[in-house]
Amino acid sequence: MAVSFARDIYAITKAFPKEEIYGLTSQLRRAAVSVSSNIAEGSSRASLKDQSRFSEIAYGSLMEIVSQLAIAKEMGFVEDPLFDDLRIKAENISLKLNALRKSQLERLND
């Protein structure tokens, strides 16, 4: 889910103005890669505390994307229907990340 979301972000940022290559384009792509990368890195950790920390970082990157997409929408780089679709995808990922982190913390406290 996070990998396909990153693919979506890469696809939409191809249409951004060239002057945004070091601005919103770069920031959105970096944050999108960060979500799935931190999920993967966290899953490789032995400690539940470490796992939950990487889940938290992935969630933070996801929230960066939502904020940056709102800016892109305000700048006219993303149309409303596409923004809404990406926001819903981000919300679904956030629900899964929150459930994962909750599970990690519960197992940590057992």
Protein backbone atom coordinates (compact mmCIF):
# COMPACT_ATOMS: atom_id res chain seq x y z
CA MET A 1 0.00 0.00 0.00
CA ALA A 2 2.75 2.48 0.95
CA VAL A 3 4.81 1.54 -2.11
CA SER A 4 1.91 2.07 -4.51
CA PHE A 5 1.18 5.38 -2.75
CA ALA A 6 4.79 6.43 -3.40
CA ARG A 7 4.32 5.46 -7.05
CA ASP A 8 1.23 7.70 -7.16
CA ILE A 9 3.20 10.60 -5.69
CA TYR A 10 5.98 10.14 -8.26
CA ALA A 11 3.40 10.07 -11.05
CA ILE A 12 1.64 13.27 -10.04
CA THR A 13 4.84 15.20 -9.38
CA LYS A 14 6.00 14.55 -12.96
CA ALA A 15 3.44 17.15 -14.01
CA PHE A 16 4.60 19.77 -11.48
CA PRO A 17 6.37 22.85 -12.86
CA LYS A 18 10.09 22.35 -13.47
CA GLU A 19 10.92 25.12 -10.97
CA GLU A 20 9.46 22.87 -8.24
CA ILE A 21 12.04 20.12 -8.82
CA TYR A 22 13.95 21.20 -5.69
CA GLY A 23 10.81 22.29 -3.85
CA LEU A 24 7.52 20.44 -3.58
CA THR A 25 8.47 17.73 -6.07
CA SER A 26 11.56 16.77 -4.11
CA GLN A 27 9.85 17.05 -0.72
CA LEU A 28 6.85 14.96 -1.73
CA ARG A 29 8.99 12.25 -3.28
CA ARG A 30 11.35 12.11 -0.32
CA ALA A 31 8.47 11.82 2.16
CA ALA A 32 6.70 9.20 0.03
CA VAL A 33 9.80 7.00 -0.08
CA SER A 34 10.29 7.56 3.64
CA VAL A 35 6.92 6.04 4.54
CA SER A 36 7.59 2.61 3.06
CA SER A 37 11.30 2.73 3.94
CA ASN A 38 10.59 3.30 7.62
CA ILE A 39 7.96 0.56 7.70
CA ALA A 40 10.51 -1.83 6.19
CA GLU A 41 13.34 -0.74 8.45
CA GLY A 42 11.15 -0.99 11.54
CA SER A 43 10.09 -4.52 10.63
CA SER A 44 13.74 -5.57 10.65
CA ARG A 45 14.30 -4.42 14.22
CA ALA A 46 14.28 -6.94 17.05
CA SER A 47 13.07 -4.49 19.67
CA LEU A 48 9.37 -3.59 19.75
CA LYS A 49 10.38 -0.14 20.98
CA ASP A 50 12.51 0.35 17.85
CA GLN A 51 9.74 -1.05 15.65
CA SER A 52 7.20 1.39 17.08
CA ARG A 53 9.62 4.30 16.64
CA PHE A 54 10.00 3.56 12.92
CA SER A 55 6.20 3.27 12.60
CA GLU A 56 5.95 6.70 14.21
CA ILE A 57 8.49 8.14 11.77
CA ALA A 58 6.57 6.62 8.83
CA TYR A 59 3.39 8.26 10.14
CA GLY A 60 5.17 11.62 10.39
CA SER A 61 6.33 11.35 6.79
CA LEU A 62 2.78 10.54 5.74
CA MET A 63 1.50 13.68 7.47
CA GLU A 64 4.19 15.69 5.64
CA ILE A 65 2.77 14.37 2.37
CA VAL A 66 -0.76 15.41 3.29
CA SER A 67 0.44 18.91 4.15
CA GLN A 68 2.54 19.21 1.00
CA LEU A 69 -0.33 17.96 -1.16
CA ALA A 70 -2.54 20.67 0.35
CA ILE A 71 0.07 23.25 -0.62
CA ALA A 72 0.32 21.76 -4.12
CA LYS A 73 -3.47 21.95 -4.41
CA GLU A 74 -3.47 25.60 -3.33
CA MET A 75 -0.76 26.34 -5.91
CA GLY A 76 -2.89 24.72 -8.63
CA PHE A 77 -0.55 21.76 -9.20
CA VAL A 78 -3.11 19.16 -8.04
CA GLU A 79 -6.81 19.18 -8.94
CA ASP A 80 -9.48 18.54 -6.29
CA PRO A 81 -10.47 14.98 -7.37
CA LEU A 82 -6.84 13.82 -7.41
CA PHE A 83 -6.14 15.53 -4.09
CA ASP A 84 -9.19 13.85 -2.55
CA ASP A 85 -8.12 10.43 -3.86
CA LEU A 86 -4.59 10.82 -2.48
CA ARG A 87 -5.91 12.11 0.85
CA ILE A 88 -8.13 9.05 1.20
CA LYS A 89 -5.20 6.76 0.38
CA ALA A 90 -3.09 8.59 2.98
CA GLU A 91 -5.88 8.23 5.53
CA ASN A 92 -6.08 4.47 4.90
CA ILE A 93 -2.33 4.12 5.32
CA SER A 94 -2.45 6.20 8.51
CA LEU A 95 -5.12 3.93 9.99
CA LYS A 96 -2.96 0.88 9.29
CA LEU A 97 0.15 2.59 10.69
CA ASN A 98 -1.70 3.60 13.85
CA ALA A 99 -2.98 0.04 14.33
CA LEU A 100 0.52 -1.34 13.76
CA ARG A 101 2.07 1.06 16.27
CA LYS A 102 -0.65 0.37 18.82
CA SER A 103 -0.02 -3.36 18.48
CA GLN A 104 3.72 -2.87 18.86
CA LEU A 105 3.28 -0.77 22.00
CA GLU A 106 0.76 -3.20 23.51
CA ARG A 107 3.13 -6.12 22.99
CA LEU A 108 5.93 -4.03 24.45
CA ASN A 109 3.93 -3.43 27.64
CA ASP A 110 2.90 -7.10 28.07
